N, C-alpha and C. Protein backbone atom coordinates (compact mmCIF):
# COMPACT_ATOMS: atom_id res chain seq x y z
N MET A 1 14.82 5.87 -5.24
CA MET A 1 15.32 7.12 -4.69
C MET A 1 16.06 6.84 -3.39
N GLU A 2 17.16 7.48 -3.21
CA GLU A 2 18.03 7.22 -2.06
C GLU A 2 17.39 7.55 -0.72
N ASP A 3 16.59 8.61 -0.65
CA ASP A 3 16.04 9.03 0.63
C ASP A 3 14.60 8.59 0.85
N CYS A 4 14.04 7.75 0.01
CA CYS A 4 12.66 7.30 0.12
C CYS A 4 12.58 6.12 1.10
N VAL A 5 11.81 6.29 2.16
CA VAL A 5 11.71 5.25 3.18
C VAL A 5 11.11 3.96 2.61
N PHE A 6 10.14 4.05 1.70
CA PHE A 6 9.55 2.84 1.14
C PHE A 6 10.51 2.16 0.17
N CYS A 7 11.33 2.91 -0.53
CA CYS A 7 12.37 2.30 -1.37
C CYS A 7 13.36 1.56 -0.50
N LYS A 8 13.69 2.12 0.66
CA LYS A 8 14.61 1.46 1.58
C LYS A 8 13.99 0.19 2.16
N ILE A 9 12.70 0.22 2.45
CA ILE A 9 12.01 -0.98 2.93
C ILE A 9 12.03 -2.04 1.83
N ALA A 10 11.72 -1.64 0.60
CA ALA A 10 11.71 -2.59 -0.52
C ALA A 10 13.09 -3.20 -0.75
N ALA A 11 14.13 -2.42 -0.51
CA ALA A 11 15.51 -2.90 -0.70
C ALA A 11 16.02 -3.71 0.49
N GLY A 12 15.23 -3.79 1.56
CA GLY A 12 15.65 -4.54 2.73
C GLY A 12 16.56 -3.75 3.67
N GLN A 13 16.70 -2.44 3.44
CA GLN A 13 17.56 -1.61 4.29
C GLN A 13 16.88 -1.19 5.58
N ILE A 14 15.55 -1.19 5.58
CA ILE A 14 14.75 -0.89 6.77
C ILE A 14 13.82 -2.08 6.96
N PRO A 15 13.75 -2.63 8.17
CA PRO A 15 12.89 -3.79 8.39
C PRO A 15 11.41 -3.42 8.35
N ALA A 16 10.60 -4.38 7.95
CA ALA A 16 9.14 -4.22 7.93
C ALA A 16 8.53 -5.59 8.18
N GLU A 17 7.33 -5.59 8.73
CA GLU A 17 6.59 -6.83 8.95
C GLU A 17 5.87 -7.17 7.64
N LYS A 18 6.53 -7.97 6.83
CA LYS A 18 6.03 -8.27 5.49
C LYS A 18 4.86 -9.25 5.52
N VAL A 19 3.93 -9.00 4.61
CA VAL A 19 2.77 -9.87 4.41
C VAL A 19 2.93 -10.64 3.10
N TYR A 20 3.50 -9.97 2.10
CA TYR A 20 3.68 -10.57 0.77
C TYR A 20 4.83 -9.83 0.09
N GLU A 21 5.56 -10.58 -0.75
CA GLU A 21 6.61 -9.96 -1.55
C GLU A 21 6.87 -10.80 -2.78
N ASP A 22 7.06 -10.11 -3.91
CA ASP A 22 7.54 -10.75 -5.12
C ASP A 22 8.51 -9.77 -5.78
N GLU A 23 8.88 -10.02 -7.02
CA GLU A 23 9.89 -9.18 -7.66
C GLU A 23 9.39 -7.77 -7.98
N ARG A 24 8.06 -7.54 -8.00
CA ARG A 24 7.52 -6.24 -8.38
C ARG A 24 6.88 -5.44 -7.26
N VAL A 25 6.31 -6.12 -6.26
CA VAL A 25 5.57 -5.43 -5.21
C VAL A 25 5.91 -5.99 -3.83
N LEU A 26 5.57 -5.21 -2.81
CA LEU A 26 5.77 -5.60 -1.43
C LEU A 26 4.56 -5.13 -0.62
N ALA A 27 4.07 -6.00 0.27
CA ALA A 27 3.00 -5.64 1.19
C ALA A 27 3.51 -5.83 2.61
N PHE A 28 3.25 -4.84 3.46
CA PHE A 28 3.72 -4.90 4.84
C PHE A 28 2.76 -4.14 5.75
N HIS A 29 2.80 -4.49 7.04
CA HIS A 29 1.94 -3.84 8.02
C HIS A 29 2.36 -2.39 8.24
N ASP A 30 1.36 -1.51 8.31
CA ASP A 30 1.61 -0.09 8.59
C ASP A 30 2.11 0.05 10.03
N ILE A 31 3.10 0.90 10.25
CA ILE A 31 3.63 1.07 11.61
C ILE A 31 2.72 1.93 12.49
N SER A 32 1.76 2.60 11.89
CA SER A 32 0.80 3.41 12.64
C SER A 32 -0.61 3.07 12.15
N PRO A 33 -1.09 1.86 12.51
CA PRO A 33 -2.36 1.38 11.95
C PRO A 33 -3.57 2.23 12.32
N GLN A 34 -4.42 2.43 11.33
CA GLN A 34 -5.65 3.20 11.50
C GLN A 34 -6.87 2.29 11.62
N ALA A 35 -6.65 0.98 11.58
CA ALA A 35 -7.71 -0.03 11.71
C ALA A 35 -7.04 -1.30 12.21
N PRO A 36 -7.81 -2.26 12.72
CA PRO A 36 -7.20 -3.51 13.18
C PRO A 36 -6.32 -4.18 12.12
N ALA A 37 -6.73 -4.11 10.89
CA ALA A 37 -5.90 -4.58 9.77
C ALA A 37 -5.54 -3.35 8.94
N HIS A 38 -4.25 -3.09 8.82
CA HIS A 38 -3.79 -1.95 8.02
C HIS A 38 -2.46 -2.34 7.38
N VAL A 39 -2.54 -2.66 6.11
CA VAL A 39 -1.37 -3.11 5.35
C VAL A 39 -1.16 -2.16 4.18
N LEU A 40 0.09 -1.90 3.87
CA LEU A 40 0.45 -1.09 2.71
C LEU A 40 0.97 -1.99 1.61
N VAL A 41 0.59 -1.70 0.38
CA VAL A 41 1.10 -2.42 -0.78
C VAL A 41 1.80 -1.39 -1.65
N ILE A 42 3.08 -1.65 -1.94
CA ILE A 42 3.88 -0.69 -2.72
C ILE A 42 4.50 -1.38 -3.93
N PRO A 43 4.69 -0.62 -5.01
CA PRO A 43 5.54 -1.14 -6.08
C PRO A 43 6.99 -0.97 -5.62
N LYS A 44 7.84 -1.90 -5.98
CA LYS A 44 9.25 -1.77 -5.61
C LYS A 44 9.94 -0.68 -6.42
N ARG A 45 9.41 -0.39 -7.59
CA ARG A 45 9.91 0.72 -8.40
C ARG A 45 9.33 2.01 -7.86
N HIS A 46 10.12 3.04 -7.77
CA HIS A 46 9.65 4.30 -7.19
C HIS A 46 8.75 5.08 -8.15
N ALA A 47 7.68 5.57 -7.59
CA ALA A 47 6.83 6.60 -8.18
C ALA A 47 6.29 7.38 -7.00
N GLY A 48 6.36 8.68 -7.06
CA GLY A 48 5.97 9.51 -5.93
C GLY A 48 4.52 9.40 -5.52
N ASP A 49 3.64 9.15 -6.49
CA ASP A 49 2.21 9.04 -6.21
C ASP A 49 1.53 8.45 -7.44
N ILE A 50 0.22 8.38 -7.41
CA ILE A 50 -0.53 7.77 -8.52
C ILE A 50 -0.36 8.56 -9.82
N LEU A 51 -0.15 9.86 -9.71
CA LEU A 51 0.07 10.65 -10.93
C LEU A 51 1.39 10.27 -11.59
N ALA A 52 2.44 10.12 -10.80
CA ALA A 52 3.74 9.71 -11.35
C ALA A 52 3.71 8.27 -11.84
N ALA A 53 2.83 7.46 -11.26
CA ALA A 53 2.75 6.04 -11.64
C ALA A 53 2.16 5.85 -13.03
N ARG A 54 1.68 6.91 -13.64
CA ARG A 54 1.21 6.78 -15.03
C ARG A 54 2.33 6.32 -15.95
N ALA A 55 3.58 6.49 -15.53
CA ALA A 55 4.72 6.03 -16.32
C ALA A 55 4.90 4.51 -16.22
N PHE A 56 4.26 3.88 -15.23
CA PHE A 56 4.34 2.42 -15.10
C PHE A 56 3.53 1.76 -16.20
N ASP A 57 3.91 0.55 -16.56
CA ASP A 57 3.10 -0.18 -17.53
C ASP A 57 1.84 -0.70 -16.83
N ASP A 58 0.82 -0.97 -17.65
CA ASP A 58 -0.46 -1.41 -17.11
C ASP A 58 -0.34 -2.71 -16.32
N ALA A 59 0.58 -3.57 -16.71
CA ALA A 59 0.75 -4.84 -16.01
C ALA A 59 1.18 -4.63 -14.56
N LEU A 60 2.06 -3.68 -14.31
CA LEU A 60 2.50 -3.41 -12.94
C LEU A 60 1.35 -2.84 -12.11
N LEU A 61 0.62 -1.89 -12.67
CA LEU A 61 -0.49 -1.31 -11.93
C LEU A 61 -1.58 -2.35 -11.65
N ALA A 62 -1.86 -3.20 -12.61
CA ALA A 62 -2.84 -4.27 -12.39
C ALA A 62 -2.33 -5.23 -11.31
N HIS A 63 -1.05 -5.54 -11.35
CA HIS A 63 -0.46 -6.44 -10.35
C HIS A 63 -0.55 -5.84 -8.95
N LEU A 64 -0.35 -4.54 -8.84
CA LEU A 64 -0.45 -3.85 -7.56
C LEU A 64 -1.85 -4.04 -6.96
N PHE A 65 -2.88 -3.84 -7.78
CA PHE A 65 -4.26 -3.98 -7.30
C PHE A 65 -4.64 -5.44 -7.05
N ARG A 66 -4.18 -6.34 -7.89
CA ARG A 66 -4.45 -7.77 -7.65
C ARG A 66 -3.79 -8.22 -6.36
N THR A 67 -2.59 -7.74 -6.11
CA THR A 67 -1.90 -8.08 -4.87
C THR A 67 -2.69 -7.54 -3.67
N ALA A 68 -3.20 -6.32 -3.77
CA ALA A 68 -3.99 -5.76 -2.68
C ALA A 68 -5.21 -6.64 -2.40
N ALA A 69 -5.88 -7.10 -3.43
CA ALA A 69 -7.04 -7.97 -3.25
C ALA A 69 -6.63 -9.30 -2.62
N ASP A 70 -5.54 -9.88 -3.08
CA ASP A 70 -5.06 -11.14 -2.53
C ASP A 70 -4.67 -10.99 -1.06
N VAL A 71 -3.99 -9.91 -0.72
CA VAL A 71 -3.58 -9.67 0.66
C VAL A 71 -4.81 -9.49 1.55
N ALA A 72 -5.80 -8.74 1.08
CA ALA A 72 -7.03 -8.56 1.85
C ALA A 72 -7.68 -9.91 2.15
N GLU A 73 -7.71 -10.78 1.15
CA GLU A 73 -8.27 -12.13 1.36
C GLU A 73 -7.44 -12.90 2.38
N ARG A 74 -6.13 -12.84 2.27
CA ARG A 74 -5.24 -13.54 3.22
C ARG A 74 -5.46 -13.06 4.65
N LEU A 75 -5.79 -11.78 4.78
CA LEU A 75 -6.03 -11.21 6.11
C LEU A 75 -7.43 -11.54 6.63
N GLY A 76 -8.23 -12.23 5.82
CA GLY A 76 -9.58 -12.60 6.22
C GLY A 76 -10.59 -11.49 6.08
N LEU A 77 -10.29 -10.49 5.27
CA LEU A 77 -11.17 -9.33 5.14
C LEU A 77 -12.21 -9.48 4.04
N GLY A 78 -12.09 -10.51 3.22
CA GLY A 78 -13.00 -10.67 2.08
C GLY A 78 -14.44 -10.87 2.47
N LYS A 79 -14.69 -11.48 3.62
CA LYS A 79 -16.06 -11.79 4.03
C LYS A 79 -16.80 -10.56 4.55
N THR A 80 -16.11 -9.70 5.28
CA THR A 80 -16.79 -8.57 5.92
C THR A 80 -16.54 -7.25 5.21
N GLY A 81 -15.48 -7.17 4.43
CA GLY A 81 -15.20 -5.96 3.67
C GLY A 81 -13.95 -5.24 4.13
N PHE A 82 -13.48 -4.38 3.26
CA PHE A 82 -12.25 -3.62 3.51
C PHE A 82 -12.24 -2.42 2.60
N ARG A 83 -11.32 -1.51 2.88
CA ARG A 83 -11.16 -0.31 2.06
C ARG A 83 -9.75 -0.31 1.48
N ILE A 84 -9.64 0.10 0.23
CA ILE A 84 -8.34 0.34 -0.40
C ILE A 84 -8.29 1.83 -0.72
N ALA A 85 -7.23 2.49 -0.28
CA ALA A 85 -7.09 3.92 -0.52
C ALA A 85 -5.66 4.23 -0.92
N SER A 86 -5.51 5.28 -1.73
CA SER A 86 -4.19 5.79 -2.09
C SER A 86 -4.24 7.30 -2.01
N ASN A 87 -3.50 7.86 -1.08
CA ASN A 87 -3.45 9.31 -0.93
C ASN A 87 -2.48 9.89 -1.95
N CYS A 88 -2.82 11.08 -2.44
CA CYS A 88 -1.99 11.73 -3.46
C CYS A 88 -1.83 13.21 -3.10
N GLY A 89 -0.66 13.56 -2.59
CA GLY A 89 -0.36 14.95 -2.30
C GLY A 89 -0.71 15.40 -0.90
N PRO A 90 -0.30 16.62 -0.56
CA PRO A 90 -0.47 17.13 0.80
C PRO A 90 -1.92 17.29 1.24
N ASP A 91 -2.81 17.70 0.36
CA ASP A 91 -4.22 17.85 0.75
C ASP A 91 -4.87 16.52 1.09
N ALA A 92 -4.31 15.43 0.58
CA ALA A 92 -4.82 14.10 0.88
C ALA A 92 -4.05 13.46 2.04
N CYS A 93 -3.14 14.22 2.63
CA CYS A 93 -2.31 13.76 3.76
C CYS A 93 -1.40 12.61 3.39
N GLN A 94 -0.86 12.63 2.17
CA GLN A 94 0.13 11.62 1.79
C GLN A 94 1.39 11.88 2.60
N SER A 95 1.76 10.92 3.45
CA SER A 95 2.88 11.13 4.35
C SER A 95 4.21 10.62 3.80
N VAL A 96 4.17 9.65 2.89
CA VAL A 96 5.39 9.14 2.27
C VAL A 96 5.24 9.30 0.76
N PRO A 97 6.15 10.03 0.11
CA PRO A 97 6.05 10.28 -1.33
C PRO A 97 6.52 9.07 -2.16
N HIS A 98 5.79 7.99 -2.03
CA HIS A 98 6.01 6.76 -2.81
C HIS A 98 4.62 6.16 -2.97
N LEU A 99 4.21 5.86 -4.17
CA LEU A 99 2.89 5.29 -4.40
C LEU A 99 2.67 4.11 -3.46
N HIS A 100 1.54 4.11 -2.78
CA HIS A 100 1.18 2.97 -1.93
C HIS A 100 -0.32 2.89 -1.78
N LEU A 101 -0.79 1.66 -1.66
CA LEU A 101 -2.20 1.40 -1.40
C LEU A 101 -2.34 1.00 0.06
N HIS A 102 -3.31 1.60 0.73
CA HIS A 102 -3.65 1.20 2.09
C HIS A 102 -4.77 0.17 2.01
N ILE A 103 -4.63 -0.94 2.69
CA ILE A 103 -5.72 -1.90 2.88
C ILE A 103 -6.14 -1.76 4.33
N LEU A 104 -7.38 -1.36 4.54
CA LEU A 104 -7.90 -1.13 5.89
C LEU A 104 -9.12 -2.00 6.13
N GLY A 105 -9.18 -2.64 7.29
CA GLY A 105 -10.34 -3.46 7.61
C GLY A 105 -10.22 -4.04 9.00
N GLY A 106 -11.08 -5.00 9.27
CA GLY A 106 -11.08 -5.64 10.58
C GLY A 106 -12.09 -5.04 11.53
N LYS A 107 -12.80 -4.01 11.10
CA LYS A 107 -13.88 -3.40 11.86
C LYS A 107 -14.73 -2.60 10.87
N GLN A 108 -15.89 -2.16 11.31
CA GLN A 108 -16.69 -1.32 10.43
C GLN A 108 -16.01 0.05 10.36
N LEU A 109 -15.69 0.46 9.16
CA LEU A 109 -14.99 1.73 8.95
C LEU A 109 -15.98 2.87 8.84
N SER A 110 -15.53 4.03 9.24
CA SER A 110 -16.34 5.23 9.14
C SER A 110 -16.61 5.56 7.68
N PRO A 111 -17.83 6.01 7.36
CA PRO A 111 -18.10 6.38 5.96
C PRO A 111 -17.37 7.66 5.56
N GLU A 112 -16.96 8.48 6.53
CA GLU A 112 -16.21 9.70 6.22
C GLU A 112 -14.78 9.34 5.94
N MET A 113 -14.20 10.05 5.02
CA MET A 113 -12.78 9.87 4.73
C MET A 113 -12.02 10.93 5.51
N ASP A 114 -11.12 10.49 6.37
CA ASP A 114 -10.33 11.43 7.17
C ASP A 114 -9.21 11.99 6.36
């Protein structure tokens, strides 16, 4: 999508502090971190949210989650733990309408979901 900020990041039109990239997904540091470690993992193909991502093949969705796990390990979060979250829609406070997984860690996280 032309006006999607994450599509522009994936296309290299907007800079991001990348953690991982391949032909299907991109992981980069969140510009407004909610934890000491806060990385976003996105598919390079646009889908507005997890509901729209049902059109993706299972291999892409599996790759997205495997990448999130690999990135969490690279960040050193595997030993102490981390959270993976995906907001969907306004009630969940989804701020960018492009499917993305948040990897949060580096401290003990609150049990409440904000």
